[in-house]
Amino acid sequence: MRANRVAYVLADPTACMPSPLLVACCGLPGVGKSTVSAYVAEQLPATRHRSDEVRHDLFDDPEYTPAEGRRTYDELLDRTRAGLDAGEAVVVDGTFKHVHDRDRIASVATETGATARFVHVTCPPATVRDRLRSRTDDASDADVEVYQQHREQFEPPDREHVTVDNSGSLEDTYRQVDRRLLPEQG
């Protein structure tokens, strides 16, 4: 029996490889998705893709139109799929404000044989508004108006997920990630 297993593994070296991991960080603009996704990507380690950076790769002067959003998320999913197909762990960072947006990223995980984990990053509205007003030198162009639009449209996660409240210190946020998400990866 052991000889058959060895022959199987030699014939298909990927047979014993763990499935790649996809961590999808979602939430409203300004809540700290990028802070959380950067930390997770560093700790795993993983390749990280941000919708804000993809949007800037595609559009010189983003306007946040629905068509622009669809094109941005299509490209974000393509990049995610490529990383997972290569066997990499991938952290993806985007608002994913609609259930169907999260369903699409979950489908990419299923199609590539990856394990998907969802992280919903939250923060009180007053803190978010303060952050957005003082934001400089960031790939995100989201301002308070964009935050309000997304807040009105955001559909709460309907699948299993980890919630990280990013209203405290960085250390507190990192502790939440360590306790709620990363221990399972070891």
N, C-alpha and C. Protein backbone atom coordinates (compact mmCIF):
# COMPACT_ATOMS: atom_id res chain seq x y z
N MET A 1 0.83 -1.19 0.00
CA MET A 1 0.00 0.00 0.00
C MET A 1 0.87 1.25 0.00
N ARG A 2 1.92 1.26 0.82
CA ARG A 2 2.82 2.41 0.89
C ARG A 2 3.46 2.67 -0.47
N ALA A 3 3.84 1.60 -1.18
CA ALA A 3 4.47 1.75 -2.49
C ALA A 3 3.51 2.43 -3.46
N ASN A 4 2.22 2.10 -3.38
CA ASN A 4 1.24 2.76 -4.24
C ASN A 4 1.16 4.25 -3.94
N ARG A 5 1.19 4.61 -2.66
CA ARG A 5 1.13 6.02 -2.26
C ARG A 5 2.36 6.77 -2.77
N VAL A 6 3.54 6.17 -2.61
CA VAL A 6 4.78 6.80 -3.09
C VAL A 6 4.71 6.98 -4.60
N ALA A 7 4.25 5.97 -5.32
CA ALA A 7 4.14 6.07 -6.77
C ALA A 7 3.17 7.18 -7.16
N TYR A 8 2.08 7.30 -6.42
CA TYR A 8 1.09 8.34 -6.69
C TYR A 8 1.69 9.73 -6.49
N VAL A 9 2.42 9.90 -5.40
CA VAL A 9 3.04 11.19 -5.11
C VAL A 9 4.10 11.52 -6.15
N LEU A 10 4.88 10.53 -6.55
CA LEU A 10 5.89 10.78 -7.57
C LEU A 10 5.25 11.13 -8.91
N ALA A 11 4.13 10.51 -9.22
CA ALA A 11 3.44 10.80 -10.47
C ALA A 11 2.80 12.19 -10.45
N ASP A 12 2.37 12.61 -9.27
CA ASP A 12 1.74 13.93 -9.11
C ASP A 12 2.33 14.60 -7.88
N PRO A 13 3.45 15.33 -8.05
CA PRO A 13 4.11 15.95 -6.89
C PRO A 13 3.24 16.92 -6.11
N THR A 14 2.17 17.42 -6.72
CA THR A 14 1.30 18.35 -6.01
C THR A 14 0.32 17.64 -5.08
N ALA A 15 0.29 16.31 -5.12
CA ALA A 15 -0.69 15.55 -4.34
C ALA A 15 -0.57 15.80 -2.84
N CYS A 16 0.62 16.06 -2.35
CA CYS A 16 0.81 16.27 -0.92
C CYS A 16 0.96 17.74 -0.56
N MET A 17 0.88 18.60 -1.56
CA MET A 17 1.04 20.03 -1.29
C MET A 17 -0.25 20.58 -0.68
N PRO A 18 -0.12 21.42 0.34
CA PRO A 18 -1.33 22.02 0.90
C PRO A 18 -1.95 22.97 -0.12
N SER A 19 -3.25 23.17 -0.01
CA SER A 19 -3.91 24.10 -0.92
C SER A 19 -3.47 25.52 -0.59
N PRO A 20 -3.40 26.38 -1.61
CA PRO A 20 -3.02 27.77 -1.33
C PRO A 20 -4.09 28.44 -0.48
N LEU A 21 -3.70 29.50 0.18
CA LEU A 21 -4.61 30.24 1.05
C LEU A 21 -4.95 31.58 0.42
N LEU A 22 -6.23 31.91 0.43
CA LEU A 22 -6.71 33.23 0.00
C LEU A 22 -7.35 33.90 1.21
N VAL A 23 -6.85 35.08 1.56
CA VAL A 23 -7.46 35.89 2.61
C VAL A 23 -8.02 37.13 1.94
N ALA A 24 -9.33 37.32 2.05
CA ALA A 24 -10.00 38.47 1.44
C ALA A 24 -10.41 39.44 2.54
N CYS A 25 -9.84 40.64 2.51
CA CYS A 25 -10.16 41.68 3.49
C CYS A 25 -11.19 42.62 2.86
N CYS A 26 -12.35 42.73 3.49
CA CYS A 26 -13.41 43.59 2.96
C CYS A 26 -13.84 44.59 4.03
N GLY A 27 -14.50 45.63 3.58
CA GLY A 27 -14.99 46.66 4.49
C GLY A 27 -15.05 48.00 3.79
N LEU A 28 -15.60 48.96 4.46
CA LEU A 28 -15.77 50.29 3.89
C LEU A 28 -14.44 51.02 3.72
N PRO A 29 -14.39 52.04 2.86
CA PRO A 29 -13.19 52.85 2.73
C PRO A 29 -12.82 53.48 4.07
N GLY A 30 -11.53 53.51 4.37
CA GLY A 30 -11.04 54.19 5.56
C GLY A 30 -11.08 53.39 6.85
N VAL A 31 -11.60 52.15 6.81
CA VAL A 31 -11.69 51.37 8.05
C VAL A 31 -10.36 50.71 8.42
N GLY A 32 -9.43 50.64 7.48
CA GLY A 32 -8.14 50.04 7.78
C GLY A 32 -7.89 48.70 7.12
N LYS A 33 -8.57 48.43 6.01
CA LYS A 33 -8.36 47.17 5.29
C LYS A 33 -6.90 47.02 4.89
N SER A 34 -6.30 48.10 4.41
CA SER A 34 -4.92 48.02 3.94
C SER A 34 -3.96 47.76 5.09
N THR A 35 -4.24 48.31 6.25
CA THR A 35 -3.42 48.03 7.43
C THR A 35 -3.49 46.56 7.77
N VAL A 36 -4.70 46.01 7.79
CA VAL A 36 -4.89 44.60 8.12
C VAL A 36 -4.30 43.71 7.03
N SER A 37 -4.57 44.02 5.77
CA SER A 37 -4.08 43.15 4.69
C SER A 37 -2.56 43.16 4.61
N ALA A 38 -1.93 44.31 4.85
CA ALA A 38 -0.46 44.37 4.83
C ALA A 38 0.12 43.50 5.94
N TYR A 39 -0.47 43.56 7.11
CA TYR A 39 0.01 42.76 8.24
C TYR A 39 -0.17 41.26 7.96
N VAL A 40 -1.33 40.88 7.47
CA VAL A 40 -1.59 39.46 7.17
C VAL A 40 -0.61 38.97 6.11
N ALA A 41 -0.42 39.75 5.04
CA ALA A 41 0.50 39.35 3.97
C ALA A 41 1.92 39.18 4.48
N GLU A 42 2.33 40.05 5.37
CA GLU A 42 3.68 39.95 5.94
C GLU A 42 3.82 38.73 6.83
N GLN A 43 2.81 38.44 7.61
CA GLN A 43 2.89 37.33 8.56
C GLN A 43 2.82 35.97 7.88
N LEU A 44 2.10 35.84 6.78
CA LEU A 44 1.89 34.51 6.19
C LEU A 44 3.15 33.86 5.62
N PRO A 45 3.94 34.36 4.79
CA PRO A 45 3.86 35.52 3.89
C PRO A 45 2.95 35.21 2.69
N ALA A 46 2.50 36.29 2.04
CA ALA A 46 1.60 36.15 0.90
C ALA A 46 1.77 37.33 -0.06
N THR A 47 1.36 37.11 -1.28
CA THR A 47 1.26 38.19 -2.26
C THR A 47 0.00 38.99 -1.92
N ARG A 48 0.10 40.30 -2.04
CA ARG A 48 -1.03 41.16 -1.67
C ARG A 48 -1.48 41.97 -2.88
N HIS A 49 -2.79 41.99 -3.11
CA HIS A 49 -3.38 42.79 -4.18
C HIS A 49 -4.43 43.71 -3.58
N ARG A 50 -4.30 45.02 -3.85
CA ARG A 50 -5.26 46.02 -3.36
C ARG A 50 -6.08 46.56 -4.52
N SER A 51 -7.37 46.64 -4.34
CA SER A 51 -8.23 47.18 -5.40
C SER A 51 -7.83 48.62 -5.74
N ASP A 52 -7.40 49.39 -4.73
CA ASP A 52 -6.99 50.78 -4.98
C ASP A 52 -5.80 50.85 -5.94
N GLU A 53 -4.84 49.97 -5.76
CA GLU A 53 -3.67 49.97 -6.64
C GLU A 53 -4.03 49.47 -8.04
N VAL A 54 -4.88 48.45 -8.10
CA VAL A 54 -5.33 47.95 -9.40
C VAL A 54 -6.07 49.06 -10.15
N ARG A 55 -6.94 49.78 -9.45
CA ARG A 55 -7.70 50.88 -10.07
C ARG A 55 -6.73 51.90 -10.68
N HIS A 56 -5.67 52.24 -9.96
CA HIS A 56 -4.70 53.21 -10.48
C HIS A 56 -3.88 52.63 -11.63
N ASP A 57 -3.65 51.33 -11.63
CA ASP A 57 -2.97 50.71 -12.77
C ASP A 57 -3.82 50.82 -14.03
N LEU A 58 -5.13 50.77 -13.87
CA LEU A 58 -6.04 50.76 -15.01
C LEU A 58 -6.51 52.15 -15.44
N PHE A 59 -6.63 53.07 -14.50
CA PHE A 59 -7.23 54.39 -14.79
C PHE A 59 -6.35 55.50 -14.24
N ASP A 60 -6.01 56.47 -15.11
CA ASP A 60 -5.17 57.58 -14.68
C ASP A 60 -5.87 58.48 -13.66
N ASP A 61 -7.15 58.70 -13.87
CA ASP A 61 -7.92 59.58 -12.98
C ASP A 61 -9.22 58.87 -12.59
N PRO A 62 -9.15 57.96 -11.61
CA PRO A 62 -10.33 57.16 -11.26
C PRO A 62 -11.52 58.02 -10.86
N GLU A 63 -12.70 57.58 -11.29
CA GLU A 63 -13.94 58.30 -10.98
C GLU A 63 -14.91 57.47 -10.15
N TYR A 64 -14.57 56.22 -9.88
CA TYR A 64 -15.42 55.33 -9.06
C TYR A 64 -16.79 55.10 -9.69
N THR A 65 -16.85 55.02 -11.02
CA THR A 65 -18.10 54.69 -11.69
C THR A 65 -18.35 53.19 -11.58
N PRO A 66 -19.59 52.75 -11.75
CA PRO A 66 -19.86 51.31 -11.71
C PRO A 66 -19.04 50.52 -12.74
N ALA A 67 -18.90 51.05 -13.95
CA ALA A 67 -18.13 50.36 -14.98
C ALA A 67 -16.66 50.25 -14.58
N GLU A 68 -16.14 51.32 -14.02
CA GLU A 68 -14.75 51.33 -13.54
C GLU A 68 -14.58 50.31 -12.41
N GLY A 69 -15.54 50.26 -11.53
CA GLY A 69 -15.49 49.30 -10.43
C GLY A 69 -15.49 47.86 -10.93
N ARG A 70 -16.34 47.56 -11.92
CA ARG A 70 -16.38 46.20 -12.47
C ARG A 70 -15.05 45.83 -13.10
N ARG A 71 -14.49 46.76 -13.88
CA ARG A 71 -13.20 46.49 -14.55
C ARG A 71 -12.10 46.30 -13.51
N THR A 72 -12.10 47.11 -12.47
CA THR A 72 -11.10 47.00 -11.40
C THR A 72 -11.20 45.64 -10.72
N TYR A 73 -12.41 45.24 -10.36
CA TYR A 73 -12.57 43.96 -9.66
C TYR A 73 -12.32 42.77 -10.57
N ASP A 74 -12.63 42.89 -11.87
CA ASP A 74 -12.28 41.81 -12.80
C ASP A 74 -10.76 41.60 -12.81
N GLU A 75 -10.02 42.69 -12.89
CA GLU A 75 -8.56 42.60 -12.90
C GLU A 75 -8.03 42.10 -11.55
N LEU A 76 -8.61 42.57 -10.46
CA LEU A 76 -8.21 42.11 -9.13
C LEU A 76 -8.39 40.60 -9.02
N LEU A 77 -9.51 40.09 -9.51
CA LEU A 77 -9.76 38.65 -9.47
C LEU A 77 -8.80 37.89 -10.38
N ASP A 78 -8.47 38.46 -11.55
CA ASP A 78 -7.51 37.82 -12.44
C ASP A 78 -6.14 37.70 -11.78
N ARG A 79 -5.71 38.76 -11.12
CA ARG A 79 -4.41 38.72 -10.43
C ARG A 79 -4.43 37.72 -9.28
N THR A 80 -5.53 37.69 -8.57
CA THR A 80 -5.67 36.75 -7.46
C THR A 80 -5.62 35.32 -7.98
N ARG A 81 -6.36 35.05 -9.03
CA ARG A 81 -6.39 33.71 -9.63
C ARG A 81 -4.99 33.29 -10.08
N ALA A 82 -4.26 34.19 -10.71
CA ALA A 82 -2.91 33.86 -11.18
C ALA A 82 -2.00 33.47 -10.02
N GLY A 83 -2.07 34.21 -8.92
CA GLY A 83 -1.25 33.87 -7.76
C GLY A 83 -1.63 32.54 -7.16
N LEU A 84 -2.91 32.29 -7.01
CA LEU A 84 -3.37 31.01 -6.45
C LEU A 84 -3.02 29.85 -7.37
N ASP A 85 -3.16 30.05 -8.69
CA ASP A 85 -2.78 29.01 -9.65
C ASP A 85 -1.30 28.67 -9.55
N ALA A 86 -0.50 29.66 -9.17
CA ALA A 86 0.94 29.44 -9.00
C ALA A 86 1.27 28.83 -7.64
N GLY A 87 0.24 28.59 -6.82
CA GLY A 87 0.45 27.97 -5.51
C GLY A 87 0.80 28.96 -4.42
N GLU A 88 0.67 30.25 -4.70
CA GLU A 88 1.00 31.28 -3.71
C GLU A 88 -0.16 31.52 -2.75
N ALA A 89 0.15 31.92 -1.55
CA ALA A 89 -0.86 32.49 -0.66
C ALA A 89 -1.13 33.90 -1.16
N VAL A 90 -2.38 34.32 -1.16
CA VAL A 90 -2.76 35.64 -1.67
C VAL A 90 -3.66 36.33 -0.66
N VAL A 91 -3.36 37.60 -0.41
CA VAL A 91 -4.23 38.46 0.39
C VAL A 91 -4.78 39.50 -0.56
N VAL A 92 -6.10 39.62 -0.59
CA VAL A 92 -6.75 40.57 -1.47
C VAL A 92 -7.50 41.58 -0.61
N ASP A 93 -7.39 42.85 -0.99
CA ASP A 93 -7.89 43.96 -0.19
C ASP A 93 -8.81 44.80 -1.07
N GLY A 94 -10.09 44.83 -0.73
CA GLY A 94 -11.05 45.62 -1.48
C GLY A 94 -12.31 45.80 -0.66
N THR A 95 -13.14 46.72 -1.07
CA THR A 95 -14.38 46.95 -0.34
C THR A 95 -15.27 45.71 -0.39
N PHE A 96 -15.38 45.08 -1.55
CA PHE A 96 -16.27 43.92 -1.71
C PHE A 96 -17.62 44.22 -1.06
N LYS A 97 -18.21 45.35 -1.47
CA LYS A 97 -19.39 45.87 -0.77
C LYS A 97 -20.67 45.08 -1.00
N HIS A 98 -20.71 44.31 -2.07
CA HIS A 98 -21.91 43.51 -2.35
C HIS A 98 -21.63 42.03 -2.11
N VAL A 99 -22.66 41.31 -1.73
CA VAL A 99 -22.52 39.86 -1.51
C VAL A 99 -21.97 39.20 -2.77
N HIS A 100 -22.44 39.63 -3.95
CA HIS A 100 -21.96 38.98 -5.18
C HIS A 100 -20.47 39.24 -5.40
N ASP A 101 -19.93 40.36 -4.91
CA ASP A 101 -18.48 40.61 -5.01
C ASP A 101 -17.71 39.57 -4.19
N ARG A 102 -18.21 39.29 -3.00
CA ARG A 102 -17.55 38.29 -2.14
C ARG A 102 -17.77 36.89 -2.70
N ASP A 103 -18.92 36.66 -3.31
CA ASP A 103 -19.16 35.36 -3.96
C ASP A 103 -18.16 35.13 -5.10
N ARG A 104 -17.86 36.18 -5.83
CA ARG A 104 -16.91 36.05 -6.95
C ARG A 104 -15.52 35.68 -6.46
N ILE A 105 -15.07 36.30 -5.38
CA ILE A 105 -13.73 35.97 -4.87
C ILE A 105 -13.74 34.57 -4.27
N ALA A 106 -14.84 34.17 -3.66
CA ALA A 106 -14.95 32.80 -3.14
C ALA A 106 -14.91 31.80 -4.29
N SER A 107 -15.51 32.14 -5.42
CA SER A 107 -15.48 31.25 -6.59
C SER A 107 -14.06 31.08 -7.12
N VAL A 108 -13.28 32.15 -7.09
CA VAL A 108 -11.88 32.04 -7.51
C VAL A 108 -11.14 31.05 -6.61
N ALA A 109 -11.39 31.13 -5.32
CA ALA A 109 -10.76 30.17 -4.39
C ALA A 109 -11.18 28.75 -4.74
N THR A 110 -12.45 28.53 -4.95
CA THR A 110 -12.95 27.19 -5.29
C THR A 110 -12.33 26.69 -6.59
N GLU A 111 -12.31 27.54 -7.60
CA GLU A 111 -11.77 27.15 -8.92
C GLU A 111 -10.30 26.78 -8.85
N THR A 112 -9.56 27.40 -7.95
CA THR A 112 -8.12 27.15 -7.86
C THR A 112 -7.76 26.16 -6.76
N GLY A 113 -8.75 25.66 -6.05
CA GLY A 113 -8.49 24.71 -4.97
C GLY A 113 -7.92 25.37 -3.72
N ALA A 114 -8.11 26.67 -3.60
CA ALA A 114 -7.57 27.41 -2.45
C ALA A 114 -8.55 27.36 -1.28
N THR A 115 -8.00 27.55 -0.10
CA THR A 115 -8.80 27.74 1.10
C THR A 115 -9.05 29.23 1.24
N ALA A 116 -10.30 29.63 1.38
CA ALA A 116 -10.63 31.06 1.48
C ALA A 116 -11.01 31.43 2.90
N ARG A 117 -10.48 32.55 3.35
CA ARG A 117 -10.84 33.14 4.65
C ARG A 117 -11.24 34.58 4.38
N PHE A 118 -12.32 35.02 5.00
CA PHE A 118 -12.80 36.38 4.83
C PHE A 118 -12.61 37.16 6.13
N VAL A 119 -12.13 38.39 5.98
CA VAL A 119 -11.93 39.29 7.11
C VAL A 119 -12.74 40.55 6.84
N HIS A 120 -13.66 40.87 7.74
CA HIS A 120 -14.45 42.09 7.64
C HIS A 120 -13.85 43.10 8.61
N VAL A 121 -13.25 44.15 8.06
CA VAL A 121 -12.61 45.17 8.88
C VAL A 121 -13.63 46.27 9.15
N THR A 122 -13.76 46.66 10.41
CA THR A 122 -14.74 47.67 10.80
C THR A 122 -14.06 48.78 11.60
N CYS A 123 -14.78 49.88 11.72
CA CYS A 123 -14.30 51.03 12.48
C CYS A 123 -15.48 52.00 12.61
N PRO A 124 -15.61 52.70 13.74
CA PRO A 124 -16.73 53.64 13.89
C PRO A 124 -16.69 54.76 12.83
N PRO A 125 -17.86 55.18 12.34
CA PRO A 125 -17.93 56.20 11.29
C PRO A 125 -17.16 57.48 11.60
N ALA A 126 -17.23 57.98 12.81
CA ALA A 126 -16.52 59.24 13.14
C ALA A 126 -15.01 59.07 12.97
N THR A 127 -14.48 57.93 13.37
CA THR A 127 -13.04 57.65 13.22
C THR A 127 -12.68 57.56 11.74
N VAL A 128 -13.53 56.90 10.97
CA VAL A 128 -13.28 56.77 9.53
C VAL A 128 -13.25 58.15 8.88
N ARG A 129 -14.22 58.99 9.19
CA ARG A 129 -14.27 60.33 8.59
C ARG A 129 -13.01 61.12 8.94
N ASP A 130 -12.56 61.04 10.19
CA ASP A 130 -11.32 61.73 10.58
C ASP A 130 -10.14 61.20 9.78
N ARG A 131 -10.05 59.89 9.63
CA ARG A 131 -8.95 59.29 8.87
C ARG A 131 -8.97 59.74 7.42
N LEU A 132 -10.15 59.73 6.83
CA LEU A 132 -10.25 60.10 5.42
C LEU A 132 -9.90 61.56 5.19
N ARG A 133 -10.28 62.42 6.10
CA ARG A 133 -9.95 63.85 5.97
C ARG A 133 -8.45 64.11 6.08
N SER A 134 -7.75 63.27 6.83
CA SER A 134 -6.32 63.50 7.03
C SER A 134 -5.45 62.59 6.15
N ARG A 135 -6.06 61.79 5.30
CA ARG A 135 -5.32 60.83 4.46
C ARG A 135 -4.50 61.56 3.41
N THR A 136 -3.23 61.18 3.32
CA THR A 136 -2.34 61.70 2.28
C THR A 136 -1.47 60.56 1.77
N ASP A 137 -0.99 60.70 0.56
CA ASP A 137 -0.03 59.76 -0.01
C ASP A 137 -0.50 58.31 0.12
N ASP A 138 -1.72 58.05 -0.34
CA ASP A 138 -2.26 56.70 -0.29
C ASP A 138 -2.84 56.36 -1.65
N ALA A 139 -2.79 55.10 -2.02
CA ALA A 139 -3.33 54.68 -3.32
C ALA A 139 -4.84 54.91 -3.40
N SER A 140 -5.50 54.97 -2.26
CA SER A 140 -6.95 55.17 -2.26
C SER A 140 -7.29 56.64 -2.46
N ASP A 141 -8.24 56.87 -3.35
CA ASP A 141 -8.76 58.23 -3.56
C ASP A 141 -10.05 58.44 -2.80
N ALA A 142 -10.47 57.44 -2.05
CA ALA A 142 -11.76 57.53 -1.35
C ALA A 142 -11.73 58.67 -0.35
N ASP A 143 -12.77 59.48 -0.41
CA ASP A 143 -12.93 60.57 0.55
C ASP A 143 -14.22 60.32 1.33
N VAL A 144 -14.63 61.29 2.12
CA VAL A 144 -15.82 61.11 2.95
C VAL A 144 -17.06 60.86 2.08
N GLU A 145 -17.15 61.53 0.93
CA GLU A 145 -18.29 61.33 0.04
C GLU A 145 -18.34 59.89 -0.48
N VAL A 146 -17.20 59.36 -0.91
CA VAL A 146 -17.13 57.97 -1.37
C VAL A 146 -17.48 57.02 -0.23
N TYR A 147 -16.97 57.32 0.96
CA TYR A 147 -17.29 56.50 2.14
C TYR A 147 -18.80 56.45 2.36
N GLN A 148 -19.46 57.62 2.31
CA GLN A 148 -20.91 57.67 2.54
C GLN A 148 -21.67 56.86 1.48
N GLN A 149 -21.25 56.98 0.22
CA GLN A 149 -21.90 56.21 -0.85
C GLN A 149 -21.76 54.72 -0.59
N HIS A 150 -20.55 54.29 -0.27
CA HIS A 150 -20.31 52.87 -0.01
C HIS A 150 -21.05 52.40 1.24
N ARG A 151 -21.12 53.25 2.23
CA ARG A 151 -21.79 52.89 3.49
C ARG A 151 -23.28 52.59 3.23
N GLU A 152 -23.88 53.39 2.36
CA GLU A 152 -25.29 53.18 2.03
C GLU A 152 -25.50 51.90 1.22
N GLN A 153 -24.48 51.48 0.48
CA GLN A 153 -24.61 50.33 -0.41
C GLN A 153 -24.05 49.03 0.18
N PHE A 154 -23.28 49.12 1.25
CA PHE A 154 -22.56 47.94 1.77
C PHE A 154 -23.53 46.89 2.31
N GLU A 155 -23.36 45.68 1.82
CA GLU A 155 -24.16 44.55 2.29
C GLU A 155 -23.31 43.76 3.28
N PRO A 156 -23.79 43.57 4.50
CA PRO A 156 -23.00 42.86 5.51
C PRO A 156 -22.61 41.46 5.03
N PRO A 157 -21.47 40.97 5.48
CA PRO A 157 -21.05 39.62 5.08
C PRO A 157 -22.10 38.58 5.47
N ASP A 158 -22.34 37.66 4.55
CA ASP A 158 -23.32 36.61 4.81
C ASP A 158 -22.67 35.23 4.88
N ARG A 159 -21.36 35.21 4.88
CA ARG A 159 -20.64 33.94 4.95
C ARG A 159 -19.72 33.99 6.17
N GLU A 160 -19.17 32.85 6.52
CA GLU A 160 -18.28 32.80 7.67
C GLU A 160 -17.12 33.78 7.46
N HIS A 161 -16.83 34.54 8.50
CA HIS A 161 -15.77 35.54 8.41
C HIS A 161 -15.24 35.87 9.80
N VAL A 162 -14.11 36.54 9.81
CA VAL A 162 -13.51 37.08 11.02
C VAL A 162 -13.74 38.58 10.97
N THR A 163 -14.16 39.18 12.08
CA THR A 163 -14.31 40.63 12.15
C THR A 163 -13.15 41.22 12.94
N VAL A 164 -12.54 42.24 12.38
CA VAL A 164 -11.46 42.96 13.05
C VAL A 164 -11.90 44.41 13.22
N ASP A 165 -11.97 44.87 14.46
CA ASP A 165 -12.31 46.26 14.77
C ASP A 165 -11.00 47.05 14.78
N ASN A 166 -10.85 47.92 13.81
CA ASN A 166 -9.61 48.67 13.65
C ASN A 166 -9.71 50.08 14.22
N SER A 167 -10.45 50.25 15.30
CA SER A 167 -10.62 51.59 15.88
C SER A 167 -9.58 51.89 16.95
N GLY A 168 -8.85 50.89 17.40
CA GLY A 168 -7.87 51.10 18.46
C GLY A 168 -6.47 51.29 17.91
N SER A 169 -5.50 50.88 18.70
CA SER A 169 -4.10 51.01 18.29
C SER A 169 -3.74 49.94 17.27
N LEU A 170 -2.63 50.15 16.58
CA LEU A 170 -2.14 49.13 15.65
C LEU A 170 -1.89 47.82 16.38
N GLU A 171 -1.33 47.91 17.57
CA GLU A 171 -1.05 46.70 18.35
C GLU A 171 -2.33 45.93 18.64
N ASP A 172 -3.39 46.65 18.97
CA ASP A 172 -4.68 45.99 19.23
C ASP A 172 -5.20 45.31 17.96
N THR A 173 -5.09 46.00 16.84
CA THR A 173 -5.53 45.41 15.57
C THR A 173 -4.73 44.16 15.26
N TYR A 174 -3.42 44.23 15.41
CA TYR A 174 -2.57 43.07 15.13
C TYR A 174 -2.89 41.91 16.07
N ARG A 175 -3.17 42.21 17.34
CA ARG A 175 -3.54 41.14 18.29
C ARG A 175 -4.83 40.45 17.84
N GLN A 176 -5.79 41.23 17.37
CA GLN A 176 -7.04 40.63 16.89
C GLN A 176 -6.78 39.69 15.71
N VAL A 177 -5.95 40.15 14.78
CA VAL A 177 -5.62 39.32 13.61
C VAL A 177 -4.90 38.05 14.06
N ASP A 178 -3.92 38.22 14.95
CA ASP A 178 -3.17 37.05 15.44
C ASP A 178 -4.10 36.05 16.12
N ARG A 179 -5.00 36.53 16.93
CA ARG A 179 -5.88 35.66 17.71
C ARG A 179 -6.99 35.04 16.85
N ARG A 180 -7.55 35.82 15.93
CA ARG A 180 -8.74 35.36 15.20
C ARG A 180 -8.46 34.72 13.86
N LEU A 181 -7.30 35.02 13.27
CA LEU A 181 -7.05 34.54 11.92
C LEU A 181 -5.77 33.72 11.81
N LEU A 182 -4.68 34.26 12.28
CA LEU A 182 -3.39 33.63 12.02
C LEU A 182 -3.12 32.34 12.79
N PRO A 183 -3.65 32.13 13.99
CA PRO A 183 -3.33 30.86 14.67
C PRO A 183 -3.75 29.64 13.86
N GLU A 184 -4.81 29.78 13.08
CA GLU A 184 -5.30 28.66 12.28
C GLU A 184 -4.39 28.35 11.11
N GLN A 185 -3.49 29.26 10.79
CA GLN A 185 -2.64 29.05 9.63
C GLN A 185 -1.37 28.27 9.97
N GLY A 186 -1.09 28.13 11.28
CA GLY A 186 0.15 27.49 11.70
C GLY A 186 0.13 26.02 11.63
